N, C-alpha and C. Protein backbone atom coordinates (compact mmCIF):
# COMPACT_ATOMS: atom_id res chain seq x y z
N MET A 1 0.82 -1.19 0.00
CA MET A 1 0.00 0.00 0.00
C MET A 1 0.88 1.27 0.00
N LEU A 2 1.90 1.26 0.86
CA LEU A 2 2.79 2.41 0.93
C LEU A 2 3.53 2.62 -0.39
N LEU A 3 3.95 1.51 -1.02
CA LEU A 3 4.64 1.60 -2.29
C LEU A 3 3.73 2.21 -3.36
N ARG A 4 2.47 1.83 -3.38
CA ARG A 4 1.52 2.38 -4.34
C ARG A 4 1.34 3.89 -4.11
N LEU A 5 1.24 4.28 -2.84
CA LEU A 5 1.09 5.70 -2.51
C LEU A 5 2.30 6.50 -2.97
N LEU A 6 3.50 5.96 -2.73
CA LEU A 6 4.72 6.64 -3.16
C LEU A 6 4.79 6.76 -4.67
N CYS A 7 4.37 5.72 -5.38
CA CYS A 7 4.38 5.76 -6.85
C CYS A 7 3.41 6.82 -7.38
N CYS A 8 2.32 7.03 -6.68
CA CYS A 8 1.36 8.05 -7.10
C CYS A 8 1.84 9.46 -6.78
N LEU A 9 2.51 9.61 -5.65
CA LEU A 9 2.94 10.93 -5.23
C LEU A 9 4.26 11.37 -5.85
N LEU A 10 5.09 10.43 -6.28
CA LEU A 10 6.40 10.76 -6.82
C LEU A 10 6.31 11.69 -8.04
N PRO A 11 5.43 11.43 -9.02
CA PRO A 11 5.34 12.37 -10.15
C PRO A 11 4.93 13.78 -9.73
N LEU A 12 4.05 13.88 -8.74
CA LEU A 12 3.65 15.20 -8.26
C LEU A 12 4.82 15.91 -7.61
N TRP A 13 5.59 15.18 -6.81
CA TRP A 13 6.74 15.77 -6.12
C TRP A 13 7.79 16.20 -7.14
N LEU A 14 8.06 15.36 -8.14
CA LEU A 14 9.06 15.71 -9.14
C LEU A 14 8.65 16.92 -9.96
N SER A 15 7.37 17.02 -10.28
CA SER A 15 6.93 18.19 -11.05
C SER A 15 7.05 19.46 -10.23
N ALA A 16 6.90 19.36 -8.91
CA ALA A 16 7.05 20.54 -8.05
C ALA A 16 8.49 21.01 -7.98
N CYS A 17 9.45 20.12 -8.27
CA CYS A 17 10.87 20.46 -8.21
C CYS A 17 11.38 21.05 -9.52
N GLY A 18 10.58 21.00 -10.58
CA GLY A 18 11.01 21.46 -11.89
C GLY A 18 10.88 22.95 -12.06
N ARG A 19 11.04 23.34 -13.30
CA ARG A 19 10.95 24.75 -13.65
C ARG A 19 9.51 25.23 -13.52
N ILE A 20 9.35 26.51 -13.26
CA ILE A 20 8.00 27.07 -13.15
C ILE A 20 7.43 27.27 -14.55
N ASP A 21 6.12 27.38 -14.62
CA ASP A 21 5.45 27.61 -15.89
C ASP A 21 5.77 29.00 -16.41
N PRO A 22 5.60 29.22 -17.72
CA PRO A 22 5.82 30.56 -18.27
C PRO A 22 4.91 31.58 -17.59
N PRO A 23 5.29 32.84 -17.59
CA PRO A 23 4.50 33.86 -16.90
C PRO A 23 3.05 33.95 -17.36
N GLU A 24 2.81 33.69 -18.63
CA GLU A 24 1.46 33.79 -19.17
C GLU A 24 0.52 32.76 -18.55
N ALA A 25 1.06 31.65 -18.05
CA ALA A 25 0.23 30.57 -17.53
C ALA A 25 -0.64 31.02 -16.35
N ASP A 26 -0.06 31.82 -15.46
CA ASP A 26 -0.87 32.29 -14.32
C ASP A 26 -0.86 33.81 -14.17
N GLY A 27 -0.36 34.50 -15.17
CA GLY A 27 -0.42 35.96 -15.17
C GLY A 27 0.56 36.63 -14.21
N ARG A 28 1.60 35.88 -13.79
CA ARG A 28 2.58 36.44 -12.85
C ARG A 28 3.99 36.33 -13.42
N LEU A 29 4.76 37.38 -13.23
CA LEU A 29 6.19 37.35 -13.51
C LEU A 29 6.88 37.15 -12.17
N VAL A 30 7.50 35.99 -11.99
CA VAL A 30 8.13 35.65 -10.71
C VAL A 30 9.58 36.10 -10.75
N VAL A 31 9.94 36.95 -9.78
CA VAL A 31 11.25 37.61 -9.79
C VAL A 31 11.96 37.38 -8.47
N ALA A 32 13.20 36.91 -8.54
CA ALA A 32 14.05 36.80 -7.35
C ALA A 32 14.70 38.16 -7.14
N ILE A 33 14.72 38.59 -5.89
CA ILE A 33 15.24 39.93 -5.59
C ILE A 33 15.83 39.93 -4.19
N ARG A 34 16.78 40.80 -3.95
CA ARG A 34 17.34 40.94 -2.60
C ARG A 34 16.92 42.27 -2.02
N GLU A 35 16.71 42.27 -0.71
CA GLU A 35 16.42 43.55 -0.05
C GLU A 35 17.71 44.35 0.03
N ALA A 36 17.62 45.59 -0.40
CA ALA A 36 18.76 46.50 -0.34
C ALA A 36 18.19 47.91 -0.23
N PRO A 37 18.79 48.74 0.61
CA PRO A 37 18.29 50.11 0.78
C PRO A 37 18.14 50.82 -0.57
N ALA A 38 17.00 51.45 -0.76
CA ALA A 38 16.63 52.23 -1.94
C ALA A 38 16.31 51.39 -3.17
N PHE A 39 16.65 50.11 -3.18
CA PHE A 39 16.40 49.27 -4.34
C PHE A 39 15.18 48.37 -4.15
N PHE A 40 15.09 47.71 -3.01
CA PHE A 40 13.93 46.88 -2.70
C PHE A 40 13.85 46.78 -1.18
N GLN A 41 12.78 47.31 -0.64
CA GLN A 41 12.57 47.27 0.80
C GLN A 41 11.12 46.89 1.04
N SER A 42 10.91 46.02 2.03
CA SER A 42 9.54 45.67 2.39
C SER A 42 9.39 45.79 3.90
N GLU A 43 8.25 46.32 4.26
CA GLU A 43 7.91 46.45 5.67
C GLU A 43 6.42 46.18 5.78
N GLY A 44 6.09 45.02 6.31
CA GLY A 44 4.69 44.62 6.36
C GLY A 44 4.16 44.43 4.95
N ASP A 45 3.06 45.09 4.63
CA ASP A 45 2.48 45.00 3.29
C ASP A 45 3.02 46.05 2.34
N SER A 46 3.87 46.95 2.85
CA SER A 46 4.41 48.03 2.04
C SER A 46 5.74 47.61 1.41
N VAL A 47 5.83 47.77 0.09
CA VAL A 47 7.05 47.44 -0.65
C VAL A 47 7.42 48.66 -1.49
N SER A 48 8.71 48.98 -1.54
CA SER A 48 9.16 50.13 -2.32
C SER A 48 10.57 49.92 -2.81
N GLY A 49 11.02 50.84 -3.62
CA GLY A 49 12.40 50.83 -4.10
C GLY A 49 12.49 50.86 -5.61
N PHE A 50 13.64 51.24 -6.11
CA PHE A 50 13.89 51.38 -7.53
C PHE A 50 13.64 50.08 -8.28
N GLU A 51 14.23 48.97 -7.82
CA GLU A 51 14.06 47.70 -8.52
C GLU A 51 12.63 47.20 -8.43
N HIS A 52 11.97 47.42 -7.28
CA HIS A 52 10.56 47.05 -7.16
C HIS A 52 9.75 47.77 -8.22
N ASP A 53 9.93 49.09 -8.32
CA ASP A 53 9.16 49.90 -9.27
C ASP A 53 9.48 49.51 -10.72
N LEU A 54 10.74 49.28 -11.01
CA LEU A 54 11.16 48.93 -12.37
C LEU A 54 10.58 47.58 -12.78
N VAL A 55 10.69 46.58 -11.93
CA VAL A 55 10.17 45.24 -12.25
C VAL A 55 8.64 45.27 -12.34
N THR A 56 8.00 46.00 -11.43
CA THR A 56 6.54 46.10 -11.46
C THR A 56 6.08 46.75 -12.77
N ALA A 57 6.76 47.81 -13.21
CA ALA A 57 6.41 48.47 -14.47
C ALA A 57 6.67 47.54 -15.66
N PHE A 58 7.75 46.78 -15.62
CA PHE A 58 8.06 45.83 -16.69
C PHE A 58 6.97 44.76 -16.77
N ALA A 59 6.62 44.19 -15.62
CA ALA A 59 5.56 43.17 -15.60
C ALA A 59 4.25 43.75 -16.13
N HIS A 60 3.93 44.96 -15.70
CA HIS A 60 2.70 45.62 -16.14
C HIS A 60 2.69 45.81 -17.66
N SER A 61 3.85 46.17 -18.22
CA SER A 61 3.94 46.37 -19.68
C SER A 61 3.69 45.07 -20.43
N LEU A 62 3.91 43.92 -19.76
CA LEU A 62 3.65 42.61 -20.36
C LEU A 62 2.24 42.11 -20.06
N GLY A 63 1.49 42.91 -19.29
CA GLY A 63 0.15 42.49 -18.89
C GLY A 63 0.17 41.49 -17.75
N LEU A 64 1.21 41.51 -16.94
CA LEU A 64 1.39 40.56 -15.84
C LEU A 64 1.49 41.29 -14.52
N LYS A 65 1.35 40.55 -13.44
CA LYS A 65 1.61 41.08 -12.10
C LYS A 65 2.97 40.56 -11.66
N ALA A 66 3.71 41.40 -10.96
CA ALA A 66 5.01 40.98 -10.45
C ALA A 66 4.82 40.25 -9.12
N HIS A 67 5.52 39.14 -8.99
CA HIS A 67 5.54 38.37 -7.73
C HIS A 67 7.00 38.23 -7.33
N PHE A 68 7.35 38.74 -6.15
CA PHE A 68 8.75 38.77 -5.72
C PHE A 68 9.05 37.65 -4.74
N ILE A 69 10.20 37.03 -4.93
CA ILE A 69 10.73 36.05 -3.98
C ILE A 69 12.04 36.63 -3.47
N LYS A 70 12.11 36.85 -2.16
CA LYS A 70 13.32 37.46 -1.59
C LYS A 70 14.41 36.41 -1.44
N ALA A 71 15.59 36.76 -1.92
CA ALA A 71 16.77 35.91 -1.80
C ALA A 71 17.68 36.51 -0.74
N ALA A 72 18.37 35.66 -0.03
CA ALA A 72 19.23 36.11 1.06
C ALA A 72 20.52 36.76 0.54
N ASP A 73 21.02 36.29 -0.60
CA ASP A 73 22.31 36.77 -1.10
C ASP A 73 22.40 36.47 -2.60
N PRO A 74 23.48 36.92 -3.26
CA PRO A 74 23.61 36.66 -4.70
C PRO A 74 23.63 35.17 -5.05
N TYR A 75 24.12 34.35 -4.14
CA TYR A 75 24.18 32.91 -4.39
C TYR A 75 22.77 32.32 -4.49
N GLU A 76 21.88 32.76 -3.62
CA GLU A 76 20.50 32.28 -3.68
C GLU A 76 19.80 32.82 -4.93
N LEU A 77 20.08 34.07 -5.31
CA LEU A 77 19.55 34.60 -6.57
C LEU A 77 19.95 33.69 -7.72
N ASN A 78 21.22 33.36 -7.76
CA ASN A 78 21.76 32.49 -8.80
C ASN A 78 21.07 31.13 -8.78
N ASP A 79 20.95 30.52 -7.61
CA ASP A 79 20.35 29.19 -7.50
C ASP A 79 18.90 29.19 -7.96
N LEU A 80 18.14 30.21 -7.58
CA LEU A 80 16.73 30.31 -8.00
C LEU A 80 16.62 30.44 -9.52
N ALA A 81 17.50 31.26 -10.11
CA ALA A 81 17.45 31.46 -11.56
C ALA A 81 17.89 30.21 -12.31
N VAL A 82 18.99 29.60 -11.90
CA VAL A 82 19.50 28.41 -12.59
C VAL A 82 18.51 27.25 -12.48
N ALA A 83 17.86 27.12 -11.34
CA ALA A 83 16.91 26.02 -11.14
C ALA A 83 15.58 26.27 -11.85
N GLY A 84 15.39 27.47 -12.39
CA GLY A 84 14.15 27.78 -13.08
C GLY A 84 12.98 28.00 -12.14
N ARG A 85 13.25 28.39 -10.91
CA ARG A 85 12.20 28.65 -9.92
C ARG A 85 11.67 30.07 -10.03
N VAL A 86 12.35 30.92 -10.82
CA VAL A 86 11.91 32.30 -11.08
C VAL A 86 12.06 32.57 -12.57
N HIS A 87 11.34 33.57 -13.06
CA HIS A 87 11.47 33.95 -14.46
C HIS A 87 12.69 34.84 -14.68
N LEU A 88 13.00 35.66 -13.70
CA LEU A 88 14.19 36.50 -13.78
C LEU A 88 14.66 36.86 -12.38
N ALA A 89 15.90 37.34 -12.32
CA ALA A 89 16.48 37.76 -11.05
C ALA A 89 16.93 39.21 -11.19
N ALA A 90 16.54 40.04 -10.25
CA ALA A 90 16.97 41.44 -10.25
C ALA A 90 18.25 41.56 -9.45
N SER A 91 19.10 42.47 -9.84
CA SER A 91 20.38 42.71 -9.16
C SER A 91 21.29 41.51 -9.18
N MET A 92 21.24 40.74 -10.23
CA MET A 92 22.08 39.56 -10.34
C MET A 92 23.48 39.98 -10.74
N PRO A 93 24.47 39.67 -9.90
CA PRO A 93 25.84 40.00 -10.31
C PRO A 93 26.24 39.14 -11.52
N ILE A 94 26.94 39.75 -12.44
CA ILE A 94 27.36 39.03 -13.64
C ILE A 94 28.46 38.03 -13.26
N GLY A 95 28.41 36.86 -13.85
CA GLY A 95 29.47 35.91 -13.57
C GLY A 95 29.06 34.46 -13.72
N ASN A 96 27.85 34.17 -14.15
CA ASN A 96 27.42 32.79 -14.32
C ASN A 96 27.15 32.55 -15.80
N SER A 97 27.90 31.64 -16.41
CA SER A 97 27.74 31.39 -17.84
C SER A 97 26.46 30.61 -18.15
N HIS A 98 25.77 30.09 -17.13
CA HIS A 98 24.53 29.34 -17.35
C HIS A 98 23.32 30.27 -17.47
N LEU A 99 23.51 31.55 -17.26
CA LEU A 99 22.41 32.51 -17.30
C LEU A 99 22.61 33.49 -18.44
N GLN A 100 21.51 34.05 -18.91
CA GLN A 100 21.55 35.07 -19.94
C GLN A 100 21.25 36.41 -19.27
N TYR A 101 22.09 37.41 -19.52
CA TYR A 101 21.97 38.71 -18.87
C TYR A 101 21.46 39.75 -19.85
N SER A 102 20.65 40.68 -19.34
CA SER A 102 20.24 41.82 -20.15
C SER A 102 21.36 42.85 -20.12
N ILE A 103 21.20 43.85 -20.96
CA ILE A 103 22.11 45.00 -20.88
C ILE A 103 21.83 45.67 -19.53
N PRO A 104 22.86 46.08 -18.80
CA PRO A 104 22.59 46.73 -17.51
C PRO A 104 21.68 47.94 -17.65
N ILE A 105 20.71 48.02 -16.78
CA ILE A 105 19.76 49.13 -16.80
C ILE A 105 20.37 50.34 -16.10
N ARG A 106 21.19 50.07 -15.13
CA ARG A 106 21.86 51.14 -14.41
C ARG A 106 23.25 50.67 -14.04
N THR A 107 24.14 51.60 -13.88
CA THR A 107 25.46 51.29 -13.35
C THR A 107 25.72 52.25 -12.21
N VAL A 108 26.43 51.77 -11.24
CA VAL A 108 26.72 52.58 -10.07
C VAL A 108 28.22 52.55 -9.84
N GLY A 109 28.81 53.72 -9.81
CA GLY A 109 30.21 53.81 -9.46
C GLY A 109 30.33 53.81 -7.95
N GLN A 110 31.44 53.35 -7.47
CA GLN A 110 31.65 53.34 -6.02
C GLN A 110 32.33 54.65 -5.62
N TRP A 111 31.80 55.24 -4.57
CA TRP A 111 32.28 56.53 -4.10
C TRP A 111 32.78 56.40 -2.67
N ILE A 112 33.80 57.14 -2.37
CA ILE A 112 34.29 57.26 -1.00
C ILE A 112 33.95 58.67 -0.56
N VAL A 113 33.22 58.78 0.52
CA VAL A 113 32.82 60.08 1.05
C VAL A 113 33.59 60.31 2.34
N GLY A 114 34.19 61.47 2.46
CA GLY A 114 34.97 61.77 3.65
C GLY A 114 34.86 63.24 4.01
N HIS A 115 35.62 63.63 5.02
CA HIS A 115 35.63 65.02 5.45
C HIS A 115 36.29 65.89 4.39
N SER A 116 35.82 67.13 4.26
CA SER A 116 36.32 68.01 3.22
C SER A 116 37.77 68.45 3.45
N ASP A 117 38.27 68.33 4.66
CA ASP A 117 39.65 68.76 4.92
C ASP A 117 40.66 67.63 4.73
N VAL A 118 40.20 66.47 4.22
CA VAL A 118 41.11 65.34 4.00
C VAL A 118 41.13 65.03 2.51
N LEU A 119 42.32 65.00 1.93
CA LEU A 119 42.45 64.66 0.52
C LEU A 119 42.59 63.14 0.37
N GLY A 120 42.10 62.62 -0.75
CA GLY A 120 42.24 61.19 -1.03
C GLY A 120 41.01 60.43 -0.60
N PRO A 121 41.01 59.18 -0.66
CA PRO A 121 42.09 58.31 -1.14
C PRO A 121 42.18 58.33 -2.65
N GLU A 122 43.37 58.05 -3.15
CA GLU A 122 43.60 58.00 -4.59
C GLU A 122 43.48 56.58 -5.12
N THR A 123 43.85 55.58 -4.30
CA THR A 123 43.79 54.18 -4.71
C THR A 123 43.20 53.35 -3.58
N LEU A 124 42.88 52.10 -3.87
CA LEU A 124 42.38 51.19 -2.84
C LEU A 124 43.40 50.98 -1.73
N ASP A 125 44.68 51.00 -2.10
CA ASP A 125 45.72 50.81 -1.09
C ASP A 125 45.69 51.92 -0.03
N ASP A 126 45.19 53.10 -0.40
CA ASP A 126 45.09 54.20 0.56
C ASP A 126 44.07 53.92 1.65
N LEU A 127 43.19 52.95 1.43
CA LEU A 127 42.17 52.60 2.42
C LEU A 127 42.67 51.60 3.45
N ALA A 128 43.86 51.05 3.25
CA ALA A 128 44.39 50.07 4.20
C ALA A 128 44.43 50.68 5.60
N GLY A 129 43.88 49.95 6.57
CA GLY A 129 43.87 50.42 7.95
C GLY A 129 42.73 51.36 8.27
N GLN A 130 41.92 51.70 7.29
CA GLN A 130 40.80 52.61 7.51
C GLN A 130 39.51 51.83 7.72
N THR A 131 38.57 52.44 8.40
CA THR A 131 37.24 51.85 8.55
C THR A 131 36.37 52.36 7.41
N VAL A 132 35.72 51.45 6.73
CA VAL A 132 34.83 51.80 5.63
C VAL A 132 33.43 51.31 6.00
N GLU A 133 32.45 52.18 5.88
CA GLU A 133 31.08 51.83 6.22
C GLU A 133 30.20 51.91 4.99
N VAL A 134 29.35 50.89 4.84
CA VAL A 134 28.38 50.85 3.74
C VAL A 134 27.06 50.33 4.30
N PRO A 135 25.95 50.60 3.64
CA PRO A 135 24.67 50.06 4.12
C PRO A 135 24.68 48.52 4.04
N ALA A 136 24.26 47.88 5.11
CA ALA A 136 24.19 46.42 5.13
C ALA A 136 23.24 45.93 4.05
N GLY A 137 23.63 44.87 3.36
CA GLY A 137 22.78 44.29 2.33
C GLY A 137 22.85 44.98 0.99
N SER A 138 23.61 46.05 0.89
CA SER A 138 23.69 46.78 -0.38
C SER A 138 24.69 46.09 -1.32
N PRO A 139 24.58 46.36 -2.63
CA PRO A 139 25.57 45.80 -3.56
C PRO A 139 27.00 46.21 -3.21
N LEU A 140 27.15 47.41 -2.65
CA LEU A 140 28.50 47.84 -2.26
C LEU A 140 29.05 47.01 -1.11
N ALA A 141 28.17 46.52 -0.23
CA ALA A 141 28.64 45.66 0.86
C ALA A 141 29.24 44.38 0.29
N ASP A 142 28.61 43.82 -0.75
CA ASP A 142 29.14 42.63 -1.40
C ASP A 142 30.49 42.92 -2.05
N SER A 143 30.59 44.08 -2.70
CA SER A 143 31.86 44.45 -3.33
C SER A 143 32.95 44.62 -2.30
N LEU A 144 32.62 45.22 -1.17
CA LEU A 144 33.59 45.43 -0.12
C LEU A 144 34.08 44.11 0.45
N ARG A 145 33.15 43.18 0.67
CA ARG A 145 33.55 41.85 1.15
C ARG A 145 34.47 41.18 0.16
N GLY A 146 34.19 41.35 -1.14
CA GLY A 146 35.01 40.74 -2.17
C GLY A 146 36.41 41.31 -2.26
N LEU A 147 36.60 42.55 -1.85
CA LEU A 147 37.93 43.16 -1.88
C LEU A 147 38.91 42.39 -1.01
N ASN A 148 38.47 41.94 0.13
CA ASN A 148 39.35 41.20 1.03
C ASN A 148 39.82 39.93 0.34
N GLU A 149 38.93 39.23 -0.35
CA GLU A 149 39.29 38.00 -1.03
C GLU A 149 40.17 38.28 -2.24
N ASN A 150 39.81 39.33 -2.99
CA ASN A 150 40.54 39.63 -4.22
C ASN A 150 41.92 40.21 -3.95
N ARG A 151 42.05 40.96 -2.92
CA ARG A 151 43.31 41.64 -2.65
C ARG A 151 44.25 40.78 -1.81
N GLY A 152 43.70 39.76 -1.15
CA GLY A 152 44.52 38.87 -0.35
C GLY A 152 45.10 39.52 0.88
N ARG A 153 44.45 40.56 1.40
CA ARG A 153 44.96 41.25 2.59
C ARG A 153 43.98 41.12 3.72
N PRO A 154 44.48 40.95 4.92
CA PRO A 154 43.55 40.97 6.05
C PRO A 154 43.08 42.39 6.31
N TRP A 155 41.88 42.53 6.80
CA TRP A 155 41.36 43.85 7.17
C TRP A 155 41.96 44.24 8.50
N SER A 156 42.18 45.52 8.66
CA SER A 156 42.72 45.98 9.93
C SER A 156 41.66 45.87 11.02
N LYS A 157 40.41 45.96 10.63
CA LYS A 157 39.31 45.79 11.56
C LYS A 157 38.38 44.78 10.93
N SER A 158 37.14 44.77 11.27
CA SER A 158 36.19 43.86 10.64
C SER A 158 36.10 44.19 9.15
N PRO A 159 35.68 43.22 8.29
CA PRO A 159 35.63 43.47 6.85
C PRO A 159 34.88 44.74 6.48
N ALA A 160 33.90 45.09 7.23
CA ALA A 160 33.18 46.36 7.01
C ALA A 160 32.35 46.62 8.23
N SER A 161 32.32 47.86 8.61
CA SER A 161 31.41 48.24 9.68
C SER A 161 30.09 48.52 9.00
N MET A 162 29.18 47.58 9.09
CA MET A 162 27.92 47.73 8.36
C MET A 162 26.83 48.18 9.29
N LYS A 163 26.29 49.33 8.99
CA LYS A 163 25.26 49.91 9.84
C LYS A 163 24.05 50.22 9.02
């Protein structure tokens, strides 16, 4: 009896693990997204941010509703997209040959803001031993974490004071 039940449920379980249906099937564009200040923020039923507005407008232009799935980090964004659990991923860092990327909609240069009476820094090496603060969860926080790995240098303090 148990074997028969498993044989009946196995196809249902396997279909649940596959790719999602095209957006037209249920009228939703399913998008993986990360919370980041000014880009995508949710508090209760209220959702806002540049990427939220952009994706919602894009879905609307297709006659669809946007449905967001929050990812914890770029790795989860990647996993959701590669597994076909979402139709697209917002804020996906470039670097996976298994995915197709659009032309960037926006680019952001990294800025160092400091006191007006201090000149520099001119290079990344000038930041050695300094405390650098960025908004937690922002794309710049990921870039800052990556500097430690890419540069092969220990941080003088924590990798970033994220507030």
